[in-house]
Amino acid sequence: MTTDLTSRVRDGDLDAYGHLFATHHADATRVARRYAGAQIDTDELVATAFDNTLTALLHGHGPGDTTFLPYLRVAMRRAAAQSLLRARH
């Protein structure tokens, strides 16, 4: 099912992305809490990861098949690292 949704998003179907968001938001929030710490807002981290994943899909990249959630987790880890680097400077 996720495979069909990611393909639909690549074709510009934002409703399909809304379904992916609804399906994975709670898990993404739990994971983000591990990465966030005191300096990073959890909601911002989740939003950034979902936004970056959507952008990748709309450009024909990003997760495929059943790899949406692992891809999103990596996107959150990267967003957390970037946020910490910005906070240090």
PDB file of N, CA and C in Angstrom:
ATOM      1  N   MET A   1       0.822  -1.202   0.000  1.00  0.00           N
ATOM      2  CA  MET A   1       0.000   0.000   0.000  1.00  0.00           C
ATOM      3  C   MET A   1       0.860   1.258   0.000  1.00  0.00           C
ATOM      4  N   THR A   2       1.929   1.292   0.817  1.00  0.00           N
ATOM      5  CA  THR A   2       2.790   2.457   0.838  1.00  0.00           C
ATOM      6  C   THR A   2       3.439   2.672  -0.517  1.00  0.00           C
ATOM      7  N   THR A   3       3.757   1.581  -1.215  1.00  0.00           N
ATOM      8  CA  THR A   3       4.364   1.697  -2.534  1.00  0.00           C
ATOM      9  C   THR A   3       3.449   2.473  -3.456  1.00  0.00           C
ATOM     10  N   ASP A   4       2.182   2.133  -3.451  1.00  0.00           N
ATOM     11  CA  ASP A   4       1.230   2.838  -4.289  1.00  0.00           C
ATOM     12  C   ASP A   4       1.141   4.313  -3.901  1.00  0.00           C
ATOM     13  N   LEU A   5       1.183   4.586  -2.618  1.00  0.00           N
ATOM     14  CA  LEU A   5       1.079   5.965  -2.156  1.00  0.00           C
ATOM     15  C   LEU A   5       2.290   6.791  -2.572  1.00  0.00           C
ATOM     16  N   THR A   6       3.483   6.240  -2.429  1.00  0.00           N
ATOM     17  CA  THR A   6       4.666   7.014  -2.813  1.00  0.00           C
ATOM     18  C   THR A   6       4.687   7.259  -4.318  1.00  0.00           C
ATOM     19  N   SER A   7       4.235   6.297  -5.086  1.00  0.00           N
ATOM     20  CA  SER A   7       4.139   6.503  -6.545  1.00  0.00           C
ATOM     21  C   SER A   7       3.132   7.592  -6.872  1.00  0.00           C
ATOM     22  N   ARG A   8       2.025   7.594  -6.164  1.00  0.00           N
ATOM     23  CA  ARG A   8       1.011   8.628  -6.395  1.00  0.00           C
ATOM     24  C   ARG A   8       1.543  10.007  -6.023  1.00  0.00           C
ATOM     25  N   VAL A   9       2.313  10.085  -4.938  1.00  0.00           N
ATOM     26  CA  VAL A   9       2.905  11.375  -4.549  1.00  0.00           C
ATOM     27  C   VAL A   9       3.866  11.851  -5.631  1.00  0.00           C
ATOM     28  N   ARG A  10       4.677  10.940  -6.153  1.00  0.00           N
ATOM     29  CA  ARG A  10       5.597  11.312  -7.239  1.00  0.00           C
ATOM     30  C   ARG A  10       4.840  11.875  -8.443  1.00  0.00           C
ATOM     31  N   ASP A  11       3.615  11.419  -8.614  1.00  0.00           N
ATOM     32  CA  ASP A  11       2.767  11.912  -9.700  1.00  0.00           C
ATOM     33  C   ASP A  11       2.014  13.181  -9.321  1.00  0.00           C
ATOM     34  N   GLY A  12       2.275  13.703  -8.103  1.00  0.00           N
ATOM     35  CA  GLY A  12       1.677  14.970  -7.685  1.00  0.00           C
ATOM     36  C   GLY A  12       0.443  14.852  -6.820  1.00  0.00           C
ATOM     37  N   ASP A  13       0.093  13.664  -6.368  1.00  0.00           N
ATOM     38  CA  ASP A  13      -1.107  13.452  -5.548  1.00  0.00           C
ATOM     39  C   ASP A  13      -0.792  13.768  -4.084  1.00  0.00           C
ATOM     40  N   LEU A  14      -1.123  14.967  -3.655  1.00  0.00           N
ATOM     41  CA  LEU A  14      -0.832  15.373  -2.277  1.00  0.00           C
ATOM     42  C   LEU A  14      -1.760  14.725  -1.268  1.00  0.00           C
ATOM     43  N   ASP A  15      -2.941  14.277  -1.700  1.00  0.00           N
ATOM     44  CA  ASP A  15      -3.817  13.528  -0.793  1.00  0.00           C
ATOM     45  C   ASP A  15      -3.150  12.225  -0.363  1.00  0.00           C
ATOM     46  N   ALA A  16      -2.415  11.611  -1.280  1.00  0.00           N
ATOM     47  CA  ALA A  16      -1.681  10.386  -0.942  1.00  0.00           C
ATOM     48  C   ALA A  16      -0.631  10.697   0.120  1.00  0.00           C
ATOM     49  N   TYR A  17      -0.001  11.861   0.024  1.00  0.00           N
ATOM     50  CA  TYR A  17       0.986  12.229   1.034  1.00  0.00           C
ATOM     51  C   TYR A  17       0.305  12.496   2.372  1.00  0.00           C
ATOM     52  N   GLY A  18      -0.881  13.055   2.319  1.00  0.00           N
ATOM     53  CA  GLY A  18      -1.651  13.253   3.549  1.00  0.00           C
ATOM     54  C   GLY A  18      -1.920  11.933   4.249  1.00  0.00           C
ATOM     55  N   HIS A  19      -2.189  10.900   3.471  1.00  0.00           N
ATOM     56  CA  HIS A  19      -2.393   9.573   4.055  1.00  0.00           C
ATOM     57  C   HIS A  19      -1.096   9.046   4.673  1.00  0.00           C
ATOM     58  N   LEU A  20       0.019   9.214   3.983  1.00  0.00           N
ATOM     59  CA  LEU A  20       1.310   8.804   4.541  1.00  0.00           C
ATOM     60  C   LEU A  20       1.596   9.554   5.838  1.00  0.00           C
ATOM     61  N   PHE A  21       1.310  10.850   5.853  1.00  0.00           N
ATOM     62  CA  PHE A  21       1.516  11.670   7.045  1.00  0.00           C
ATOM     63  C   PHE A  21       0.675  11.130   8.202  1.00  0.00           C
ATOM     64  N   ALA A  22      -0.605  10.895   7.940  1.00  0.00           N
ATOM     65  CA  ALA A  22      -1.499  10.410   8.995  1.00  0.00           C
ATOM     66  C   ALA A  22      -1.070   9.039   9.511  1.00  0.00           C
ATOM     67  N   THR A  23      -0.589   8.210   8.620  1.00  0.00           N
ATOM     68  CA  THR A  23      -0.183   6.857   8.992  1.00  0.00           C
ATOM     69  C   THR A  23       1.087   6.860   9.841  1.00  0.00           C
ATOM     70  N   HIS A  24       2.026   7.719   9.522  1.00  0.00           N
ATOM     71  CA  HIS A  24       3.359   7.652  10.139  1.00  0.00           C
ATOM     72  C   HIS A  24       3.668   8.764  11.134  1.00  0.00           C
ATOM     73  N   HIS A  25       2.783   9.709  11.316  1.00  0.00           N
ATOM     74  CA  HIS A  25       3.065  10.863  12.178  1.00  0.00           C
ATOM     75  C   HIS A  25       3.366  10.461  13.618  1.00  0.00           C
ATOM     76  N   ALA A  26       2.562   9.584  14.196  1.00  0.00           N
ATOM     77  CA  ALA A  26       2.765   9.207  15.604  1.00  0.00           C
ATOM     78  C   ALA A  26       4.120   8.530  15.795  1.00  0.00           C
ATOM     79  N   ASP A  27       4.467   7.616  14.904  1.00  0.00           N
ATOM     80  CA  ASP A  27       5.766   6.949  15.007  1.00  0.00           C
ATOM     81  C   ASP A  27       6.896   7.951  14.806  1.00  0.00           C
ATOM     82  N   ALA A  28       6.728   8.836  13.845  1.00  0.00           N
ATOM     83  CA  ALA A  28       7.755   9.847  13.581  1.00  0.00           C
ATOM     84  C   ALA A  28       7.970  10.733  14.809  1.00  0.00           C
ATOM     85  N   THR A  29       6.907  11.070  15.491  1.00  0.00           N
ATOM     86  CA  THR A  29       7.013  11.909  16.686  1.00  0.00           C
ATOM     87  C   THR A  29       7.768  11.180  17.791  1.00  0.00           C
ATOM     88  N   ARG A  30       7.492   9.892  17.971  1.00  0.00           N
ATOM     89  CA  ARG A  30       8.224   9.108  18.980  1.00  0.00           C
ATOM     90  C   ARG A  30       9.724   9.073  18.662  1.00  0.00           C
ATOM     91  N   VAL A  31      10.048   8.849  17.409  1.00  0.00           N
ATOM     92  CA  VAL A  31      11.448   8.794  16.999  1.00  0.00           C
ATOM     93  C   VAL A  31      12.107  10.163  17.168  1.00  0.00           C
ATOM     94  N   ALA A  32      11.389  11.209  16.802  1.00  0.00           N
ATOM     95  CA  ALA A  32      11.935  12.567  16.890  1.00  0.00           C
ATOM     96  C   ALA A  32      12.283  12.944  18.324  1.00  0.00           C
ATOM     97  N   ARG A  33      11.526  12.458  19.269  1.00  0.00           N
ATOM     98  CA  ARG A  33      11.824  12.763  20.672  1.00  0.00           C
ATOM     99  C   ARG A  33      13.198  12.247  21.076  1.00  0.00           C
ATOM    100  N   ARG A  34      13.618  11.146  20.466  1.00  0.00           N
ATOM    101  CA  ARG A  34      14.959  10.605  20.767  1.00  0.00           C
ATOM    102  C   ARG A  34      16.049  11.503  20.204  1.00  0.00           C
ATOM    103  N   TYR A  35      15.784  12.121  19.062  1.00  0.00           N
ATOM    104  CA  TYR A  35      16.782  12.959  18.408  1.00  0.00           C
ATOM    105  C   TYR A  35      16.746  14.399  18.893  1.00  0.00           C
ATOM    106  N   ALA A  36      15.617  14.845  19.391  1.00  0.00           N
ATOM    107  CA  ALA A  36      15.410  16.264  19.638  1.00  0.00           C
ATOM    108  C   ALA A  36      16.260  16.824  20.769  1.00  0.00           C
ATOM    109  N   GLY A  37      16.231  16.216  21.912  1.00  0.00           N
ATOM    110  CA  GLY A  37      16.948  16.778  23.048  1.00  0.00           C
ATOM    111  C   GLY A  37      16.334  18.099  23.471  1.00  0.00           C
ATOM    112  N   ALA A  38      17.067  18.871  24.226  1.00  0.00           N
ATOM    113  CA  ALA A  38      16.554  20.120  24.766  1.00  0.00           C
ATOM    114  C   ALA A  38      16.616  21.270  23.771  1.00  0.00           C
ATOM    115  N   GLN A  39      17.507  21.181  22.789  1.00  0.00           N
ATOM    116  CA  GLN A  39      17.715  22.314  21.886  1.00  0.00           C
ATOM    117  C   GLN A  39      16.850  22.287  20.639  1.00  0.00           C
ATOM    118  N   ILE A  40      16.157  21.178  20.374  1.00  0.00           N
ATOM    119  CA  ILE A  40      15.410  21.055  19.134  1.00  0.00           C
ATOM    120  C   ILE A  40      13.941  20.793  19.449  1.00  0.00           C
ATOM    121  N   ASP A  41      13.060  21.518  18.795  1.00  0.00           N
ATOM    122  CA  ASP A  41      11.630  21.330  18.957  1.00  0.00           C
ATOM    123  C   ASP A  41      11.202  20.070  18.196  1.00  0.00           C
ATOM    124  N   THR A  42      10.552  19.148  18.883  1.00  0.00           N
ATOM    125  CA  THR A  42      10.141  17.880  18.277  1.00  0.00           C
ATOM    126  C   THR A  42       9.214  18.093  17.095  1.00  0.00           C
ATOM    127  N   ASP A  43       8.229  18.955  17.246  1.00  0.00           N
ATOM    128  CA  ASP A  43       7.277  19.197  16.157  1.00  0.00           C
ATOM    129  C   ASP A  43       7.976  19.774  14.928  1.00  0.00           C
ATOM    130  N   GLU A  44       8.928  20.653  15.159  1.00  0.00           N
ATOM    131  CA  GLU A  44       9.684  21.232  14.043  1.00  0.00           C
ATOM    132  C   GLU A  44      10.511  20.167  13.336  1.00  0.00           C
ATOM    133  N   LEU A  45      11.096  19.278  14.107  1.00  0.00           N
ATOM    134  CA  LEU A  45      11.893  18.202  13.537  1.00  0.00           C
ATOM    135  C   LEU A  45      11.030  17.280  12.672  1.00  0.00           C
ATOM    136  N   VAL A  46       9.865  16.908  13.171  1.00  0.00           N
ATOM    137  CA  VAL A  46       8.945  16.057  12.405  1.00  0.00           C
ATOM    138  C   VAL A  46       8.494  16.773  11.141  1.00  0.00           C
ATOM    139  N   ALA A  47       8.128  18.038  11.265  1.00  0.00           N
ATOM    140  CA  ALA A  47       7.666  18.801  10.102  1.00  0.00           C
ATOM    141  C   ALA A  47       8.754  18.921   9.046  1.00  0.00           C
ATOM    142  N   THR A  48       9.982  19.171   9.479  1.00  0.00           N
ATOM    143  CA  THR A  48      11.095  19.291   8.534  1.00  0.00           C
ATOM    144  C   THR A  48      11.340  17.972   7.807  1.00  0.00           C
ATOM    145  N   ALA A  49      11.299  16.873   8.543  1.00  0.00           N
ATOM    146  CA  ALA A  49      11.530  15.564   7.924  1.00  0.00           C
ATOM    147  C   ALA A  49      10.436  15.229   6.916  1.00  0.00           C
ATOM    148  N   PHE A  50       9.185  15.484   7.273  1.00  0.00           N
ATOM    149  CA  PHE A  50       8.085  15.230   6.336  1.00  0.00           C
ATOM    150  C   PHE A  50       8.201  16.150   5.118  1.00  0.00           C
ATOM    151  N   ASP A  51       8.549  17.400   5.349  1.00  0.00           N
ATOM    152  CA  ASP A  51       8.694  18.348   4.237  1.00  0.00           C
ATOM    153  C   ASP A  51       9.823  17.931   3.296  1.00  0.00           C
ATOM    154  N   ASN A  52      10.956  17.557   3.852  1.00  0.00           N
ATOM    155  CA  ASN A  52      12.083  17.127   3.027  1.00  0.00           C
ATOM    156  C   ASN A  52      11.758  15.853   2.248  1.00  0.00           C
ATOM    157  N   THR A  53      11.006  14.957   2.875  1.00  0.00           N
ATOM    158  CA  THR A  53      10.619  13.714   2.200  1.00  0.00           C
ATOM    159  C   THR A  53       9.636  14.009   1.069  1.00  0.00           C
ATOM    160  N   LEU A  54       8.695  14.897   1.311  1.00  0.00           N
ATOM    161  CA  LEU A  54       7.752  15.289   0.256  1.00  0.00           C
ATOM    162  C   LEU A  54       8.489  15.917  -0.916  1.00  0.00           C
ATOM    163  N   THR A  55       9.414  16.806  -0.626  1.00  0.00           N
ATOM    164  CA  THR A  55      10.187  17.459  -1.689  1.00  0.00           C
ATOM    165  C   THR A  55      10.943  16.426  -2.519  1.00  0.00           C
ATOM    166  N   ALA A  56      11.562  15.467  -1.852  1.00  0.00           N
ATOM    167  CA  ALA A  56      12.288  14.415  -2.572  1.00  0.00           C
ATOM    168  C   ALA A  56      11.346  13.619  -3.473  1.00  0.00           C
ATOM    169  N   LEU A  57      10.190  13.248  -2.960  1.00  0.00           N
ATOM    170  CA  LEU A  57       9.242  12.480  -3.759  1.00  0.00           C
ATOM    171  C   LEU A  57       8.755  13.275  -4.972  1.00  0.00           C
ATOM    172  N   LEU A  58       8.446  14.542  -4.766  1.00  0.00           N
ATOM    173  CA  LEU A  58       7.948  15.363  -5.867  1.00  0.00           C
ATOM    174  C   LEU A  58       9.000  15.588  -6.944  1.00  0.00           C
ATOM    175  N   HIS A  59      10.268  15.421  -6.580  1.00  0.00           N
ATOM    176  CA  HIS A  59      11.353  15.536  -7.550  1.00  0.00           C
ATOM    177  C   HIS A  59      11.769  14.172  -8.105  1.00  0.00           C
ATOM    178  N   GLY A  60      10.954  13.153  -7.835  1.00  0.00           N
ATOM    179  CA  GLY A  60      11.216  11.823  -8.378  1.00  0.00           C
ATOM    180  C   GLY A  60      12.228  11.010  -7.614  1.00  0.00           C
ATOM    181  N   HIS A  61      12.555  11.453  -6.403  1.00  0.00           N
ATOM    182  CA  HIS A  61      13.530  10.746  -5.573  1.00  0.00           C
ATOM    183  C   HIS A  61      12.826  10.251  -4.320  1.00  0.00           C
ATOM    184  N   GLY A  62      13.578  10.014  -3.295  1.00  0.00           N
ATOM    185  CA  GLY A  62      12.995   9.634  -2.020  1.00  0.00           C
ATOM    186  C   GLY A  62      12.700   8.155  -1.910  1.00  0.00           C
ATOM    187  N   PRO A  63      11.903   7.812  -0.910  1.00  0.00           N
ATOM    188  CA  PRO A  63      11.671   6.402  -0.621  1.00  0.00           C
ATOM    189  C   PRO A  63      10.852   5.718  -1.703  1.00  0.00           C
ATOM    190  N   GLY A  64      11.063   4.439  -1.776  1.00  0.00           N
ATOM    191  CA  GLY A  64      10.275   3.624  -2.679  1.00  0.00           C
ATOM    192  C   GLY A  64       9.830   2.379  -1.949  1.00  0.00           C
ATOM    193  N   ASP A  65       8.993   1.641  -2.605  1.00  0.00           N
ATOM    194  CA  ASP A  65       8.475   0.395  -2.060  1.00  0.00           C
ATOM    195  C   ASP A  65       8.017   0.592  -0.618  1.00  0.00           C
ATOM    196  N   THR A  66       8.588  -0.161   0.283  1.00  0.00           N
ATOM    197  CA  THR A  66       8.139  -0.105   1.680  1.00  0.00           C
ATOM    198  C   THR A  66       9.152   0.617   2.559  1.00  0.00           C
ATOM    199  N   THR A  67       9.881   1.549   1.989  1.00  0.00           N
ATOM    200  CA  THR A  67      10.960   2.203   2.733  1.00  0.00           C
ATOM    201  C   THR A  67      10.605   3.604   3.223  1.00  0.00           C
ATOM    202  N   PHE A  68       9.332   3.950   3.225  1.00  0.00           N
ATOM    203  CA  PHE A  68       8.954   5.308   3.613  1.00  0.00           C
ATOM    204  C   PHE A  68       9.399   5.633   5.040  1.00  0.00           C
ATOM    205  N   LEU A  69       9.034   4.794   5.991  1.00  0.00           N
ATOM    206  CA  LEU A  69       9.347   5.098   7.392  1.00  0.00           C
ATOM    207  C   LEU A  69      10.851   5.102   7.667  1.00  0.00           C
ATOM    208  N   PRO A  70      11.619   4.135   7.192  1.00  0.00           N
ATOM    209  CA  PRO A  70      13.070   4.237   7.396  1.00  0.00           C
ATOM    210  C   PRO A  70      13.661   5.505   6.770  1.00  0.00           C
ATOM    211  N   TYR A  71      13.177   5.873   5.598  1.00  0.00           N
ATOM    212  CA  TYR A  71      13.650   7.093   4.938  1.00  0.00           C
ATOM    213  C   TYR A  71      13.320   8.309   5.802  1.00  0.00           C
ATOM    214  N   LEU A  72      12.109   8.353   6.334  1.00  0.00           N
ATOM    215  CA  LEU A  72      11.681   9.467   7.177  1.00  0.00           C
ATOM    216  C   LEU A  72      12.544   9.558   8.434  1.00  0.00           C
ATOM    217  N   ARG A  73      12.892   8.407   8.999  1.00  0.00           N
ATOM    218  CA  ARG A  73      13.744   8.401  10.194  1.00  0.00           C
ATOM    219  C   ARG A  73      15.128   8.981   9.891  1.00  0.00           C
ATOM    220  N   VAL A  74      15.678   8.632   8.750  1.00  0.00           N
ATOM    221  CA  VAL A  74      16.968   9.202   8.355  1.00  0.00           C
ATOM    222  C   VAL A  74      16.830  10.705   8.135  1.00  0.00           C
ATOM    223  N   ALA A  75      15.740  11.128   7.517  1.00  0.00           N
ATOM    224  CA  ALA A  75      15.497  12.559   7.298  1.00  0.00           C
ATOM    225  C   ALA A  75      15.428  13.300   8.631  1.00  0.00           C
ATOM    226  N   MET A  76      14.829  12.688   9.649  1.00  0.00           N
ATOM    227  CA  MET A  76      14.768  13.320  10.974  1.00  0.00           C
ATOM    228  C   MET A  76      16.146  13.397  11.606  1.00  0.00           C
ATOM    229  N   ARG A  77      16.920  12.337  11.471  1.00  0.00           N
ATOM    230  CA  ARG A  77      18.274  12.344  12.040  1.00  0.00           C
ATOM    231  C   ARG A  77      19.114  13.445  11.397  1.00  0.00           C
ATOM    232  N   ARG A  78      19.000  13.584  10.086  1.00  0.00           N
ATOM    233  CA  ARG A  78      19.745  14.639   9.385  1.00  0.00           C
ATOM    234  C   ARG A  78      19.257  16.017   9.785  1.00  0.00           C
ATOM    235  N   ALA A  79      17.947  16.187   9.898  1.00  0.00           N
ATOM    236  CA  ALA A  79      17.396  17.486  10.295  1.00  0.00           C
ATOM    237  C   ALA A  79      17.845  17.843  11.707  1.00  0.00           C
ATOM    238  N   ALA A  80      17.902  16.862  12.592  1.00  0.00           N
ATOM    239  CA  ALA A  80      18.361  17.116  13.963  1.00  0.00           C
ATOM    240  C   ALA A  80      19.822  17.545  13.963  1.00  0.00           C
ATOM    241  N   ALA A  81      20.639  16.867  13.182  1.00  0.00           N
ATOM    242  CA  ALA A  81      22.059  17.224  13.109  1.00  0.00           C
ATOM    243  C   ALA A  81      22.239  18.634  12.570  1.00  0.00           C
ATOM    244  N   GLN A  82      21.499  18.981  11.526  1.00  0.00           N
ATOM    245  CA  GLN A  82      21.594  20.323  10.956  1.00  0.00           C
ATOM    246  C   GLN A  82      21.133  21.373  11.956  1.00  0.00           C
ATOM    247  N   SER A  83      20.080  21.071  12.690  1.00  0.00           N
ATOM    248  CA  SER A  83      19.578  22.013  13.683  1.00  0.00           C
ATOM    249  C   SER A  83      20.599  22.234  14.799  1.00  0.00           C
ATOM    250  N   LEU A  84      21.245  21.169  15.234  1.00  0.00           N
ATOM    251  CA  LEU A  84      22.276  21.310  16.268  1.00  0.00           C
ATOM    252  C   LEU A  84      23.463  22.110  15.766  1.00  0.00           C
ATOM    253  N   LEU A  85      23.855  21.909  14.532  1.00  0.00           N
ATOM    254  CA  LEU A  85      24.959  22.702  13.952  1.00  0.00           C
ATOM    255  C   LEU A  85      24.599  24.178  13.907  1.00  0.00           C
ATOM    256  N   ARG A  86      23.368  24.491  13.495  1.00  0.00           N
ATOM    257  CA  ARG A  86      22.923  25.893  13.460  1.00  0.00           C
ATOM    258  C   ARG A  86      22.902  26.500  14.846  1.00  0.00           C
ATOM    259  N   ALA A  87      22.503  25.727  15.847  1.00  0.00           N
ATOM    260  CA  ALA A  87      22.429  26.230  17.219  1.00  0.00           C
ATOM    261  C   ALA A  87      23.805  26.549  17.778  1.00  0.00           C
ATOM    262  N   ARG A  88      24.819  25.847  17.314  1.00  0.00           N
ATOM    263  CA  ARG A  88      26.186  26.079  17.798  1.00  0.00           C
ATOM    264  C   ARG A  88      26.810  27.337  17.206  1.00  0.00           C
ATOM    265  N   HIS A  89      26.306  27.760  16.055  1.00  0.00           N
ATOM    266  CA  HIS A  89      26.914  28.902  15.383  1.00  0.00           C
ATOM    267  C   HIS A  89      26.162  30.150  15.661  1.00  0.00           C
TER     268      HIS A  89
END
